[in-house]
C-alpha atoms as a PDB file:
ATOM      1  CA  MET A   1     108.575  65.428 120.249  1.00  0.00           C
ATOM      2  CA  THR A   2     106.160  62.652 119.531  1.00  0.00           C
ATOM      3  CA  SER A   3     104.870  61.701 116.070  1.00  0.00           C
ATOM      4  CA  GLU A   4     101.853  63.496 114.630  1.00  0.00           C
ATOM      5  CA  LYS A   5     100.786  60.338 112.939  1.00  0.00           C
ATOM      6  CA  PRO A   6      98.337  59.032 115.410  1.00  0.00           C
ATOM      7  CA  LEU A   7      96.368  62.168 115.222  1.00  0.00           C
ATOM      8  CA  ASN A   8      96.143  62.259 111.385  1.00  0.00           C
ATOM      9  CA  SER A   9      95.067  58.817 110.432  1.00  0.00           C
ATOM     10  CA  GLY A  10      92.382  56.443 111.031  1.00  0.00           C
ATOM     11  CA  PRO A  11      88.473  56.979 111.173  1.00  0.00           C
ATOM     12  CA  PHE A  12      87.484  60.530 112.096  1.00  0.00           C
ATOM     13  CA  ARG A  13      87.243  61.198 115.806  1.00  0.00           C
ATOM     14  CA  VAL A  14      85.854  63.826 118.135  1.00  0.00           C
ATOM     15  CA  GLY A  15      88.304  66.807 118.219  1.00  0.00           C
ATOM     16  CA  ASP A  16      89.707  65.973 114.602  1.00  0.00           C
ATOM     17  CA  ARG A  17      89.742  68.979 112.190  1.00  0.00           C
ATOM     18  CA  VAL A  18      87.880  68.134 109.051  1.00  0.00           C
ATOM     19  CA  GLN A  19      87.855  70.045 105.751  1.00  0.00           C
ATOM     20  CA  LEU A  20      84.556  69.816 103.951  1.00  0.00           C
ATOM     21  CA  THR A  21      84.509  70.611 100.251  1.00  0.00           C
ATOM     22  CA  GLY A  22      81.086  71.427  98.573  1.00  0.00           C
ATOM     23  CA  PRO A  23      80.101  70.906  94.946  1.00  0.00           C
ATOM     24  CA  LYS A  24      81.484  74.306  93.942  1.00  0.00           C
ATOM     25  CA  GLY A  25      84.888  73.579  95.371  1.00  0.00           C
ATOM     26  CA  ARG A  26      84.098  75.928  98.464  1.00  0.00           C
ATOM     27  CA  ARG A  27      86.118  74.570 101.625  1.00  0.00           C
ATOM     28  CA  ASN A  28      85.017  74.780 105.205  1.00  0.00           C
ATOM     29  CA  THR A  29      87.204  73.506 108.029  1.00  0.00           C
ATOM     30  CA  ILE A  30      85.429  72.514 111.380  1.00  0.00           C
ATOM     31  CA  THR A  31      86.601  70.721 114.514  1.00  0.00           C
ATOM     32  CA  LEU A  32      84.310  67.762 115.324  1.00  0.00           C
ATOM     33  CA  GLU A  33      82.272  67.962 118.445  1.00  0.00           C
ATOM     34  CA  ALA A  34      79.796  65.479 119.761  1.00  0.00           C
ATOM     35  CA  GLY A  35      76.279  66.713 119.271  1.00  0.00           C
ATOM     36  CA  ARG A  36      77.297  69.744 117.193  1.00  0.00           C
ATOM     37  CA  GLN A  37      76.097  70.658 113.571  1.00  0.00           C
ATOM     38  CA  PHE A  38      77.753  72.269 110.479  1.00  0.00           C
ATOM     39  CA  HIS A  39      75.283  74.754 108.962  1.00  0.00           C
ATOM     40  CA  THR A  40      75.056  76.395 105.468  1.00  0.00           C
ATOM     41  CA  HIS A  41      72.285  78.178 103.765  1.00  0.00           C
ATOM     42  CA  LYS A  42      71.646  74.763 102.019  1.00  0.00           C
ATOM     43  CA  GLY A  43      71.295  72.317 104.768  1.00  0.00           C
ATOM     44  CA  MET A  44      73.364  71.025 107.636  1.00  0.00           C
ATOM     45  CA  ILE A  45      75.541  68.001 108.619  1.00  0.00           C
ATOM     46  CA  ASP A  46      75.722  66.430 112.015  1.00  0.00           C
ATOM     47  CA  HIS A  47      79.107  66.123 113.362  1.00  0.00           C
ATOM     48  CA  ASP A  48      78.178  62.742 114.672  1.00  0.00           C
ATOM     49  CA  ASP A  49      77.500  61.470 111.144  1.00  0.00           C
ATOM     50  CA  ILE A  50      81.216  62.182 110.342  1.00  0.00           C
ATOM     51  CA  VAL A  51      82.721  60.619 113.438  1.00  0.00           C
ATOM     52  CA  GLY A  52      83.800  57.142 112.598  1.00  0.00           C
ATOM     53  CA  ARG A  53      83.906  57.514 108.957  1.00  0.00           C
ATOM     54  CA  PRO A  54      87.298  56.917 107.087  1.00  0.00           C
ATOM     55  CA  ASP A  55      89.241  59.886 105.715  1.00  0.00           C
ATOM     56  CA  GLY A  56      88.207  60.752 102.308  1.00  0.00           C
ATOM     57  CA  SER A  57      84.430  60.037 102.843  1.00  0.00           C
ATOM     58  CA  VAL A  58      81.566  61.698 101.070  1.00  0.00           C
ATOM     59  CA  ILE A  59      78.843  63.066 103.548  1.00  0.00           C
ATOM     60  CA  THR A  60      75.409  64.030 102.358  1.00  0.00           C
ATOM     61  CA  ASN A  61      73.772  66.975 104.221  1.00  0.00           C
ATOM     62  CA  SER A  62      70.214  67.345 105.120  1.00  0.00           C
ATOM     63  CA  ALA A  63      69.267  68.844 101.746  1.00  0.00           C
ATOM     64  CA  GLY A  64      70.864  65.970  99.742  1.00  0.00           C
ATOM     65  CA  ILE A  65      74.181  67.937  98.866  1.00  0.00           C
ATOM     66  CA  ASP A  66      77.313  65.889  98.985  1.00  0.00           C
ATOM     67  CA  TYR A  67      80.459  67.037 100.825  1.00  0.00           C
ATOM     68  CA  LEU A  68      83.910  65.523 100.546  1.00  0.00           C
ATOM     69  CA  ALA A  69      85.499  65.135 104.023  1.00  0.00           C
ATOM     70  CA  LEU A  70      89.186  65.071 104.445  1.00  0.00           C
ATOM     71  CA  ARG A  71      91.675  65.828 107.106  1.00  0.00           C
ATOM     72  CA  PRO A  72      93.460  69.103 106.221  1.00  0.00           C
ATOM     73  CA  LEU A  73      97.080  68.844 104.966  1.00  0.00           C
ATOM     74  CA  LEU A  74      99.620  71.084 106.440  1.00  0.00           C
ATOM     75  CA  VAL A  75      99.378  73.264 103.273  1.00  0.00           C
ATOM     76  CA  ASP A  76      95.523  73.616 104.046  1.00  0.00           C
ATOM     77  CA  PHE A  77      96.078  74.347 107.592  1.00  0.00           C
ATOM     78  CA  ALA A  78      98.790  76.898 107.019  1.00  0.00           C
ATOM     79  CA  MET A  79      96.513  78.970 104.626  1.00  0.00           C
ATOM     80  CA  SER A  80      93.447  78.855 107.000  1.00  0.00           C
ATOM     81  CA  MET A  81      94.955  79.189 110.529  1.00  0.00           C
ATOM     82  CA  PRO A  82      94.648  82.242 112.746  1.00  0.00           C
ATOM     83  CA  ARG A  83      97.247  84.854 111.842  1.00  0.00           C
ATOM     84  CA  GLY A  84      99.249  87.351 113.664  1.00  0.00           C
ATOM     85  CA  ALA A  85     101.723  88.423 111.121  1.00  0.00           C
ATOM     86  CA  ALA A  86     101.436  87.413 107.446  1.00  0.00           C
ATOM     87  CA  ILE A  87     102.521  83.910 106.802  1.00  0.00           C
ATOM     88  CA  ILE A  88     105.201  82.450 104.444  1.00  0.00           C
ATOM     89  CA  TYR A  89     103.235  80.913 101.583  1.00  0.00           C
ATOM     90  CA  PRO A  90     103.647  77.157 101.195  1.00  0.00           C
ATOM     91  CA  LYS A  91     105.559  77.811  97.705  1.00  0.00           C
ATOM     92  CA  ASP A  92     108.250  79.716  99.625  1.00  0.00           C
ATOM     93  CA  ALA A  93     108.341  77.332 102.582  1.00  0.00           C
ATOM     94  CA  ALA A  94     109.008  74.569 100.178  1.00  0.00           C
ATOM     95  CA  GLN A  95     111.834  76.504  98.626  1.00  0.00           C
ATOM     96  CA  ILE A  96     113.211  77.304 102.162  1.00  0.00           C
ATOM     97  CA  LEU A  97     113.360  73.673 103.061  1.00  0.00           C
ATOM     98  CA  ALA A  98     115.141  72.878  99.798  1.00  0.00           C
ATOM     99  CA  GLN A  99     117.445  75.751  99.504  1.00  0.00           C
ATOM    100  CA  ALA A 100     118.482  75.797 103.258  1.00  0.00           C
ATOM    101  CA  ASP A 101     118.823  71.803 103.025  1.00  0.00           C
ATOM    102  CA  ILE A 102     116.804  71.377 106.161  1.00  0.00           C
ATOM    103  CA  PHE A 103     117.450  67.766 107.165  1.00  0.00           C
ATOM    104  CA  PRO A 104     116.217  65.237 109.907  1.00  0.00           C
ATOM    105  CA  GLY A 105     118.103  65.902 113.131  1.00  0.00           C
ATOM    106  CA  ALA A 106     119.254  69.512 112.199  1.00  0.00           C
ATOM    107  CA  ASN A 107     119.651  72.264 114.835  1.00  0.00           C
ATOM    108  CA  VAL A 108     117.846  75.208 113.227  1.00  0.00           C
ATOM    109  CA  VAL A 109     117.276  78.796 114.335  1.00  0.00           C
ATOM    110  CA  GLU A 110     114.387  80.759 112.916  1.00  0.00           C
ATOM    111  CA  ALA A 111     113.496  84.480 113.321  1.00  0.00           C
ATOM    112  CA  GLY A 112     110.756  85.869 113.335  1.00  0.00           C
ATOM    113  CA  VAL A 113     107.983  83.372 113.933  1.00  0.00           C
ATOM    114  CA  GLY A 114     104.931  85.340 112.710  1.00  0.00           C
ATOM    115  CA  SER A 115     101.958  82.998 112.876  1.00  0.00           C
ATOM    116  CA  GLY A 116     103.989  79.721 113.068  1.00  0.00           C
ATOM    117  CA  ALA A 117     103.487  78.462 109.517  1.00  0.00           C
ATOM    118  CA  LEU A 118     107.032  78.089 108.766  1.00  0.00           C
ATOM    119  CA  SER A 119     107.801  76.668 112.242  1.00  0.00           C
ATOM    120  CA  LEU A 120     105.473  73.778 111.290  1.00  0.00           C
ATOM    121  CA  TRP A 121     107.167  72.978 108.092  1.00  0.00           C
ATOM    122  CA  LEU A 122     110.574  73.189 109.901  1.00  0.00           C
ATOM    123  CA  LEU A 123     109.472  70.831 112.763  1.00  0.00           C
ATOM    124  CA  ARG A 124     108.295  68.437 110.257  1.00  0.00           C
ATOM    125  CA  ALA A 125     111.608  68.543 108.361  1.00  0.00           C
ATOM    126  CA  ILE A 126     113.879  68.183 111.302  1.00  0.00           C
ATOM    127  CA  GLY A 127     112.018  65.394 112.926  1.00  0.00           C
ATOM    128  CA  PRO A 128     111.988  64.423 116.587  1.00  0.00           C
ATOM    129  CA  GLU A 129     115.849  64.251 116.789  1.00  0.00           C
ATOM    130  CA  GLY A 130     116.366  67.944 115.471  1.00  0.00           C
ATOM    131  CA  THR A 131     115.855  71.149 117.424  1.00  0.00           C
ATOM    132  CA  LEU A 132     114.083  74.402 116.396  1.00  0.00           C
ATOM    133  CA  THR A 133     114.982  77.607 118.230  1.00  0.00           C
ATOM    134  CA  SER A 134     112.649  80.426 117.243  1.00  0.00           C
ATOM    135  CA  PHE A 135     112.770  84.115 118.052  1.00  0.00           C
ATOM    136  CA  GLU A 136     110.010  86.609 117.970  1.00  0.00           C
ATOM    137  CA  ARG A 137     109.870  90.184 119.043  1.00  0.00           C
ATOM    138  CA  ARG A 138     106.247  90.451 119.807  1.00  0.00           C
ATOM    139  CA  ASP A 139     104.346  88.393 122.576  1.00  0.00           C
ATOM    140  CA  GLU A 140     101.126  88.411 120.563  1.00  0.00           C
ATOM    141  CA  PHE A 141     102.798  86.774 117.547  1.00  0.00           C
ATOM    142  CA  ALA A 142     104.486  84.301 119.664  1.00  0.00           C
ATOM    143  CA  ASP A 143     101.090  83.322 121.425  1.00  0.00           C
ATOM    144  CA  VAL A 144      99.436  82.855 117.991  1.00  0.00           C
ATOM    145  CA  ALA A 145     102.328  80.757 116.642  1.00  0.00           C
ATOM    146  CA  ARG A 146     102.279  78.466 119.755  1.00  0.00           C
ATOM    147  CA  GLY A 147      98.504  77.942 119.534  1.00  0.00           C
ATOM    148  CA  ASN A 148      98.705  77.145 115.681  1.00  0.00           C
ATOM    149  CA  VAL A 149     101.522  74.671 116.167  1.00  0.00           C
ATOM    150  CA  ALA A 150      99.773  72.905 119.173  1.00  0.00           C
ATOM    151  CA  THR A 151      96.552  72.882 117.203  1.00  0.00           C
ATOM    152  CA  PHE A 152      98.068  71.071 114.228  1.00  0.00           C
ATOM    153  CA  LEU A 153     100.202  68.709 116.107  1.00  0.00           C
ATOM    154  CA  GLY A 154      98.142  68.077 119.073  1.00  0.00           C
ATOM    155  CA  ILE A 155     101.119  68.673 121.453  1.00  0.00           C
ATOM    156  CA  ASP A 156     103.511  71.306 122.465  1.00  0.00           C
ATOM    157  CA  PRO A 157     106.687  69.996 120.670  1.00  0.00           C
ATOM    158  CA  GLU A 158     109.565  69.346 123.139  1.00  0.00           C
ATOM    159  CA  ASN A 159     112.200  70.191 120.584  1.00  0.00           C
ATOM    160  CA  TRP A 160     110.896  73.713 119.808  1.00  0.00           C
ATOM    161  CA  THR A 161     111.448  76.922 121.979  1.00  0.00           C
ATOM    162  CA  ILE A 162     110.242  80.412 121.178  1.00  0.00           C
ATOM    163  CA  THR A 163     112.298  83.144 122.845  1.00  0.00           C
ATOM    164  CA  VAL A 164     110.508  86.577 122.852  1.00  0.00           C
ATOM    165  CA  GLY A 165     113.171  89.194 122.141  1.00  0.00           C
ATOM    166  CA  ASP A 166     115.694  90.372 119.538  1.00  0.00           C
ATOM    167  CA  LEU A 167     117.695  87.788 117.828  1.00  0.00           C
ATOM    168  CA  ALA A 168     120.759  90.026 117.880  1.00  0.00           C
ATOM    169  CA  GLU A 169     120.547  90.166 121.778  1.00  0.00           C
ATOM    170  CA  LYS A 170     119.330  86.675 122.538  1.00  0.00           C
ATOM    171  CA  LEU A 171     120.972  84.185 120.152  1.00  0.00           C
ATOM    172  CA  ALA A 172     124.380  83.927 121.912  1.00  0.00           C
ATOM    173  CA  ASP A 173     122.587  82.901 125.016  1.00  0.00           C
ATOM    174  CA  ALA A 174     120.547  80.413 123.309  1.00  0.00           C
ATOM    175  CA  ALA A 175     123.108  78.952 120.795  1.00  0.00           C
ATOM    176  CA  PRO A 176     126.668  78.305 121.769  1.00  0.00           C
ATOM    177  CA  HIS A 177     129.486  78.952 119.243  1.00  0.00           C
ATOM    178  CA  ALA A 178     129.304  76.952 116.015  1.00  0.00           C
ATOM    179  CA  SER A 179     126.373  74.807 117.321  1.00  0.00           C
ATOM    180  CA  VAL A 180     123.622  75.768 114.644  1.00  0.00           C
ATOM    181  CA  ASP A 181     123.286  73.907 111.238  1.00  0.00           C
ATOM    182  CA  ARG A 182     120.849  76.320 109.596  1.00  0.00           C
ATOM    183  CA  VAL A 183     119.450  79.933 110.329  1.00  0.00           C
ATOM    184  CA  VAL A 184     116.211  81.096 108.492  1.00  0.00           C
ATOM    185  CA  LEU A 185     115.728  84.802 109.019  1.00  0.00           C
ATOM    186  CA  ASP A 186     112.211  86.362 108.055  1.00  0.00           C
ATOM    187  CA  MET A 187     112.759  90.028 109.311  1.00  0.00           C
ATOM    188  CA  LEU A 188     112.957  93.577 108.184  1.00  0.00           C
ATOM    189  CA  ALA A 189     116.634  93.924 108.625  1.00  0.00           C
ATOM    190  CA  PRO A 190     118.537  90.596 108.614  1.00  0.00           C
ATOM    191  CA  TRP A 191     121.801  92.460 108.033  1.00  0.00           C
ATOM    192  CA  GLU A 192     121.804  93.691 111.673  1.00  0.00           C
ATOM    193  CA  CYS A 193     122.049  90.037 112.940  1.00  0.00           C
ATOM    194  CA  LEU A 194     124.901  88.766 110.707  1.00  0.00           C
ATOM    195  CA  ASP A 195     127.625  88.885 113.406  1.00  0.00           C
ATOM    196  CA  VAL A 196     125.684  86.892 115.977  1.00  0.00           C
ATOM    197  CA  VAL A 197     124.435  84.348 113.322  1.00  0.00           C
ATOM    198  CA  SER A 198     128.006  84.036 112.001  1.00  0.00           C
ATOM    199  CA  ASP A 199     129.283  83.050 115.455  1.00  0.00           C
ATOM    200  CA  ALA A 200     126.399  80.500 116.016  1.00  0.00           C
ATOM    201  CA  LEU A 201     126.703  78.667 112.531  1.00  0.00           C
ATOM    202  CA  VAL A 202     128.815  75.774 112.049  1.00  0.00           C
ATOM    203  CA  PRO A 203     131.354  75.874 109.072  1.00  0.00           C
ATOM    204  CA  GLY A 204     129.370  74.924 105.899  1.00  0.00           C
ATOM    205  CA  GLY A 205     126.097  75.877 107.693  1.00  0.00           C
ATOM    206  CA  VAL A 206     123.389  77.604 105.604  1.00  0.00           C
ATOM    207  CA  LEU A 207     121.935  81.181 106.339  1.00  0.00           C
ATOM    208  CA  LEU A 208     118.706  81.858 104.335  1.00  0.00           C
ATOM    209  CA  CYS A 209     116.901  85.145 104.427  1.00  0.00           C
ATOM    210  CA  TYR A 210     113.259  85.892 103.333  1.00  0.00           C
ATOM    211  CA  VAL A 211     112.873  89.630 102.386  1.00  0.00           C
ATOM    212  CA  ALA A 212     110.013  91.377 100.702  1.00  0.00           C
ATOM    213  CA  THR A 213     111.533  94.234  98.755  1.00  0.00           C
ATOM    214  CA  VAL A 214     114.376  94.671  96.289  1.00  0.00           C
ATOM    215  CA  THR A 215     116.167  97.160  98.549  1.00  0.00           C
ATOM    216  CA  GLN A 216     116.129  94.777 101.325  1.00  0.00           C
ATOM    217  CA  LEU A 217     117.645  92.187  98.901  1.00  0.00           C
ATOM    218  CA  SER A 218     120.392  94.421  97.890  1.00  0.00           C
ATOM    219  CA  ARG A 219     121.285  95.488 101.259  1.00  0.00           C
ATOM    220  CA  VAL A 220     121.427  91.937 102.782  1.00  0.00           C
ATOM    221  CA  ALA A 221     123.481  90.629  99.835  1.00  0.00           C
ATOM    222  CA  GLU A 222     126.018  93.425 100.208  1.00  0.00           C
ATOM    223  CA  ALA A 223     126.257  92.809 104.033  1.00  0.00           C
ATOM    224  CA  ILE A 224     126.714  89.056 103.544  1.00  0.00           C
ATOM    225  CA  ARG A 225     129.625  89.831 101.066  1.00  0.00           C
ATOM    226  CA  GLU A 226     131.195  92.500 103.200  1.00  0.00           C
ATOM    227  CA  SER A 227     131.131  90.217 106.278  1.00  0.00           C
ATOM    228  CA  GLY A 228     133.712  87.944 104.682  1.00  0.00           C
ATOM    229  CA  ASN A 229     132.189  84.952 106.536  1.00  0.00           C
ATOM    230  CA  TYR A 230     129.938  83.504 103.710  1.00  0.00           C
ATOM    231  CA  THR A 231     130.082  82.195 100.056  1.00  0.00           C
ATOM    232  CA  ASN A 232     128.635  84.627  97.522  1.00  0.00           C
ATOM    233  CA  PRO A 233     124.895  84.779  98.226  1.00  0.00           C
ATOM    234  CA  GLU A 234     122.320  83.415  95.745  1.00  0.00           C
ATOM    235  CA  SER A 235     118.942  85.023  95.266  1.00  0.00           C
ATOM    236  CA  SER A 236     115.640  83.927  93.866  1.00  0.00           C
ATOM    237  CA  GLU A 237     111.731  84.265  93.975  1.00  0.00           C
ATOM    238  CA  THR A 238     109.215  81.633  93.205  1.00  0.00           C
ATOM    239  CA  MET A 239     106.048  82.010  91.338  1.00  0.00           C
ATOM    240  CA  VAL A 240     103.264  79.376  91.041  1.00  0.00           C
ATOM    241  CA  ARG A 241     100.703  79.283  88.156  1.00  0.00           C
ATOM    242  CA  GLY A 242      98.032  76.602  88.205  1.00  0.00           C
ATOM    243  CA  TRP A 243      96.547  75.069  85.242  1.00  0.00           C
ATOM    244  CA  HIS A 244      92.942  74.229  84.368  1.00  0.00           C
ATOM    245  CA  VAL A 245      93.020  70.712  82.763  1.00  0.00           C
ATOM    246  CA  GLU A 246      89.480  69.424  81.751  1.00  0.00           C
ATOM    247  CA  GLY A 247      89.550  67.041  78.633  1.00  0.00           C
ATOM    248  CA  LEU A 248      90.791  69.383  75.685  1.00  0.00           C
ATOM    249  CA  ALA A 249      90.226  72.541  77.773  1.00  0.00           C
ATOM    250  CA  VAL A 250      93.859  73.035  79.015  1.00  0.00           C
ATOM    251  CA  ARG A 251      94.961  76.553  79.907  1.00  0.00           C
ATOM    252  CA  PRO A 252      96.567  78.602  82.627  1.00  0.00           C
ATOM    253  CA  GLU A 253      94.401  79.526  85.611  1.00  0.00           C
ATOM    254  CA  HIS A 254      93.287  83.174  85.588  1.00  0.00           C
ATOM    255  CA  ARG A 255      94.842  83.810  88.970  1.00  0.00           C
ATOM    256  CA  MET A 256      98.405  82.932  90.182  1.00  0.00           C
ATOM    257  CA  ILE A 257     100.369  83.284  93.036  1.00  0.00           C
ATOM    258  CA  GLY A 258     103.046  85.932  92.094  1.00  0.00           C
ATOM    259  CA  HIS A 259     105.721  87.668  94.114  1.00  0.00           C
ATOM    260  CA  THR A 260     105.593  87.192  97.736  1.00  0.00           C
ATOM    261  CA  GLY A 261     109.301  87.590  98.749  1.00  0.00           C
ATOM    262  CA  PHE A 262     112.830  86.991  97.809  1.00  0.00           C
ATOM    263  CA  LEU A 263     114.989  84.270  99.227  1.00  0.00           C
ATOM    264  CA  ILE A 264     118.751  84.843  99.554  1.00  0.00           C
ATOM    265  CA  SER A 265     121.082  82.161 100.915  1.00  0.00           C
ATOM    266  CA  ALA A 266     124.767  81.770 101.570  1.00  0.00           C
ATOM    267  CA  ARG A 267     126.997  79.230 103.313  1.00  0.00           C
ATOM    268  CA  ARG A 268     129.320  79.883 106.333  1.00  0.00           C
ATOM    269  CA  LEU A 269     133.045  79.765 105.652  1.00  0.00           C
ATOM    270  CA  ALA A 270     135.579  78.085 107.812  1.00  0.00           C
ATOM    271  CA  PRO A 271     137.177  80.538 110.346  1.00  0.00           C
ATOM    272  CA  GLY A 272     140.004  82.318 108.582  1.00  0.00           C
ATOM    273  CA  ALA A 273     138.982  81.089 104.985  1.00  0.00           C
ATOM    274  CA  VAL A 274     139.107  83.767 102.280  1.00  0.00           C
ATOM    275  CA  LEU A 275     136.552  83.329  99.465  1.00  0.00           C
ATOM    276  CA  PRO A 276     138.197  83.414  95.938  1.00  0.00           C
ATOM    277  CA  GLU A 277     137.240  86.686  94.399  1.00  0.00           C
ATOM    278  CA  LEU A 278     134.541  86.420  91.635  1.00  0.00           C
ATOM    279  CA  LYS A 279     134.872  88.612  88.489  1.00  0.00           C
ATOM    280  CA  ARG A 280     131.761  90.799  88.556  1.00  0.00           C
ATOM    281  CA  ARG A 281     130.555  93.470  86.386  1.00  0.00           C
ATOM    282  CA  ALA A 282     130.865  97.049  87.952  1.00  0.00           C
ATOM    283  CA  SER A 283     127.524  98.065  89.535  1.00  0.00           C
ATOM    284  CA  LYS A 284     126.038 100.711  91.786  1.00  0.00           C
ATOM    285  CA  SER A 285     126.427  99.312  95.308  1.00  0.00           C
ATOM    286  CA  ASP A 286     126.336 102.533  97.467  1.00  0.00           C
ATOM    287  CA  PHE A 287     123.238 103.172  99.345  1.00  0.00           C
ATOM    288  CA  SER A 288     122.166 105.105 102.459  1.00  0.00           C
ATOM    289  CA  ALA A 289     119.578 104.620 105.236  1.00  0.00           C
ATOM    290  CA  ASP A 290     117.272 106.739 103.399  1.00  0.00           C
ATOM    291  CA  ASP A 291     117.269 104.357 100.471  1.00  0.00           C
ATOM    292  CA  VAL A 292     116.257 101.471 102.742  1.00  0.00           C
ATOM    293  CA  GLU A 293     113.701 103.564 104.668  1.00  0.00           C
ATOM    294  CA  ILE A 294     111.594 104.450 101.587  1.00  0.00           C
ATOM    295  CA  TRP A 295     111.035 100.600 101.194  1.00  0.00           C
ATOM    296  CA  THR A 296     110.012  99.679 104.738  1.00  0.00           C
ATOM    297  CA  PRO A 297     106.551  98.296 105.321  1.00  0.00           C
ATOM    298  CA  GLY A 298     105.334 101.446 107.006  1.00  0.00           C
ATOM    299  CA  ALA A 299     106.465 103.609 104.129  1.00  0.00           C
ATOM    300  CA  VAL A 300     104.914 101.689 101.466  1.00  0.00           C
ATOM    301  CA  GLY A 301     101.595 101.509 103.306  1.00  0.00           C
ATOM    302  CA  GLU A 302     101.530  98.036 104.481  1.00  0.00           C
ATOM    303  CA  ARG A 303      98.566  97.472 106.884  1.00  0.00           C
ATOM    304  CA  SER A 304      99.541  96.229 110.427  1.00  0.00           C
ATOM    305  CA  VAL A 305      97.198  94.059 112.612  1.00  0.00           C
ATOM    306  CA  SER A 306      95.775  95.859 115.501  1.00  0.00           C
ATOM    307  CA  ASP A 307      96.553  94.719 119.035  1.00  0.00           C
ATOM    308  CA  LYS A 308      92.802  93.908 119.637  1.00  0.00           C
ATOM    309  CA  VAL A 309      92.689  91.694 116.554  1.00  0.00           C
ATOM    310  CA  LEU A 310      95.885  89.943 117.560  1.00  0.00           C
ATOM    311  CA  ARG A 311      94.589  89.103 120.966  1.00  0.00           C
ATOM    312  CA  LYS A 312      91.347  87.693 119.362  1.00  0.00           C
ATOM    313  CA  ARG A 313      93.408  85.542 117.076  1.00  0.00           C
ATOM    314  CA  ALA A 314      95.625  84.306 119.899  1.00  0.00           C
ATOM    315  CA  ARG A 315      92.543  83.231 121.729  1.00  0.00           C
ATOM    316  CA  ILE A 316      91.274  81.285 118.702  1.00  0.00           C
ATOM    317  CA  ALA A 317      94.677  79.681 118.345  1.00  0.00           C
ATOM    318  CA  GLU A 318      94.954  78.794 121.961  1.00  0.00           C
ATOM    319  CA  ALA A 319      91.435  77.295 121.936  1.00  0.00           C
ATOM    320  CA  GLY A 320      92.356  75.060 118.845  1.00  0.00           C
ATOM    321  CA  ALA A 321      95.442  74.028 120.754  1.00  0.00           C
ATOM    322  CA  ALA A 322      93.566  73.017 123.800  1.00  0.00           C
ATOM    323  CA  ALA A 323      91.035  70.946 121.693  1.00  0.00           C
ATOM    324  CA  SER A 324      93.902  69.233 119.916  1.00  0.00           C
ATOM    325  CA  LYS A 325      95.749  68.402 123.069  1.00  0.00           C
ATOM    326  CA  ALA A 326      92.436  66.946 124.533  1.00  0.00           C
ATOM    327  CA  ARG A 327      92.055  64.871 121.539  1.00  0.00           C
ATOM    328  CA  GLY A 328      95.563  63.478 121.872  1.00  0.00           C
ATOM    329  CA  LEU A 329      95.010  62.566 125.552  1.00  0.00           C
ATOM    330  CA  GLY A 330      91.657  60.869 124.688  1.00  0.00           C
ATOM    331  CA  ASP A 331      93.060  58.810 121.999  1.00  0.00           C
ATOM    332  CA  SER A 332      95.507  57.173 124.253  1.00  0.00           C
ATOM    333  CA  ASP A 333      92.579  55.209 125.742  1.00  0.00           C
ATOM    334  CA  SER A 334      90.898  54.581 122.319  1.00  0.00           C
ATOM    335  CA  ASP A 335      90.863  51.066 120.807  1.00  0.00           C
ATOM    336  CA  VAL A 336      89.678  52.272 117.382  1.00  0.00           C
ATOM    337  CA  ALA A 337      91.826  50.655 114.754  1.00  0.00           C
ATOM    338  CA  ASP A 338      93.673  53.066 112.449  1.00  0.00           C
ATOM    339  CA  ASP A 339      93.284  52.952 108.830  1.00  0.00           C
ATOM    340  CA  PRO A 340      95.602  54.300 106.112  1.00  0.00           C
ATOM    341  CA  ASP A 341      95.518  58.060 105.345  1.00  0.00           C
ATOM    342  CA  GLY A 342      92.983  59.036 102.490  1.00  0.00           C
ATOM    343  CA  ALA A 343      94.309  60.590  99.500  1.00  0.00           C
ATOM    344  CA  HIS A 344      93.982  64.485  98.928  1.00  0.00           C
END
């Protein structure tokens, strides 16, 4: 995997993704093409007027309206990229990187891939010396994820593989015994994969699960305890509330990102180790398959993306990937000097 730095620094070039922010804070992300124009109902901007400008420039459109031009950060890209499955929000991705202790050079297993947002964060954290092995049950989601990752990085990372199939069936072939440092599971029933994950993790390795409902949280916690292979799991959720700060007008924003999911993590014990028993208050821990079923996405009315829409989003992601790869090849012959990144 090569560094993404050359594609995200220096003056704007044809093929770059640029985020244009208008006077009301509305953001539009475009891909620079020679001879193209960005149109709104209040004027237009020639792409050629942006090419060659440094990151963080202010561009005036044909109607005299100023737009701030910046390369999108990963957080911006993740929130606006084509989606197959729902993405893991940046607030949760940040906690996953911290709680799972994703480090440079780590061997990480991820399931499922969704739209590739978490894959990008993981690839950045493990660096070129690490490996990311991802599993996804649906071909369409895998296609969207591949396109999104290649669009942002400008390459297909050599240290990233996506296997289409069930983690429980495929992991043993992809990861030898005790060869994986970290496992991150974003799936409906992570408890079904504990046996194969336990075999793949190194002693002291981290298992982290991202689940949507309290019933899933309860079941995976009890399954982790009953396996006898892990430390006692720790659970949390993250809520982010922005603040409006302007002079003495300081108040919370009217909107906030509340509950998106729960994180539950535990560490792999050494083979044969018996965890010292913790004193816990008696609680109801019995549950049945019916208890879990009433909280599945289908039961609570979660809307799924149609196959037609998925195919369209995959095409959009693949087109973005092709443009980014072409830009990377073109830059190899460029003699334009790099400037430092602009501030966001």
